[in-house]
């Protein structure tokens, strides 16, 4: 069995949020064919209790504690060095030492890097020696540039600087790697347009959903009051785009919905709600749960799920999970873009608060919600199986001849 080095910016277990769901399933896929040596960070102290669970998939592992406020202070170094701020945020001397020792000790056949911030642990000369595949997931540089457009100074300047610096860094990483992977065809195509010299080595590998776990067949007790018409949003609530989405929906769309249908209630279900998100719980018809042991009952018994994201990158797991639970989804086009160019079965798209309210009322009155949900489940079952999607990822570790590499010009970081 061959050895692979897997570098991930956040511990891939438990798979309880978007990036961890993808990295966990990638870890399992790698472990089916390789001895995996995992290097990662733990930014939530509660996740340390799950560290030993990784041993069933890892031949060795190095987990480093990351304290967000300290990492934020450290990231300021990038303002003086020209680096994107995310590089010093994840810079750790002990992790560098562990990577060097692992490469020296084991016959590593490939290196898999998840997120651009972990590429700093594989210097240019090492990326030329090993088959190196980088899973960027999304074009993060463009995300920061979008943030800058909606932010006030000085954060607008910080976000724009981060976007521009990260765009250069992403280009350099792509040129030094055998393959660059993105979570959707839309993200991959966007990266190809930005960096056409690497286009022939850019690939899309979609997320999946565990349709056995996320299934309406499970007996799950309803968390809602009898007669309540629950509209549910699920996701990590310390993520800016999620917070913006629920605040916009709760303040701009929900009042019009409840004026016509007072049974409607908006449930915000997810870990680490910010103070701004918690404050939404004081609004009429809004419940903020915080972390819950299992999101499936909230999805299974909702009238439908909502994904009113105004800024979204890649594939939204929250949408796939709701569809797998056989619930209709009311979403913005941004939330669906990574899944399908058009509205998938069971999904209704609306992009203004007025349209969201109108479509929500239409869904609440619909007699075929269950049929729509069943169609949504069939769609994700056929198109978003982890095993099928990650098979193409694993092929990148062996099927790319070195002759396909671009000639490397220069060295070091941009």
Foldseek 3Di string as FASTA:
>chain_A
DAEEEEEEAEPLPPVAADVSLVVVLLLQVCLVPHAYEYEYEHADVVCVVCVVVCVVRHPYYHYYYQDQVVLQVQLCVCVVVVAQSLQSSRDDPVSLVVLVVVVVPHPHAEYEYEALSRCVSQFLVNLLVHQYEYENAALVLVLLQVVLVPDDPPSVVSSPSNSVNSLQSVLQSLQSHQAYEYAFPVRLVVNCVSRVVSNVRYYHQHAADDLVVLELVDDDDAPDDPPAAEAEEEHAQVDVQQVVQVVCLLPQAVVLLCVVPVSYAYEYEHADHDPSSVVSCVDPRYHYDHYDPDCNSVLLPHLAYEAAGPADTAADVRLLSSLSNLFAYEYACNNCVRPDNDAAQRYHHDHDSVRSNVVVNVSVPDPCRSVSSVSSSVVSVVPRDSVVSCVVVVCSSPVRDPVPRDDDDDGDGD
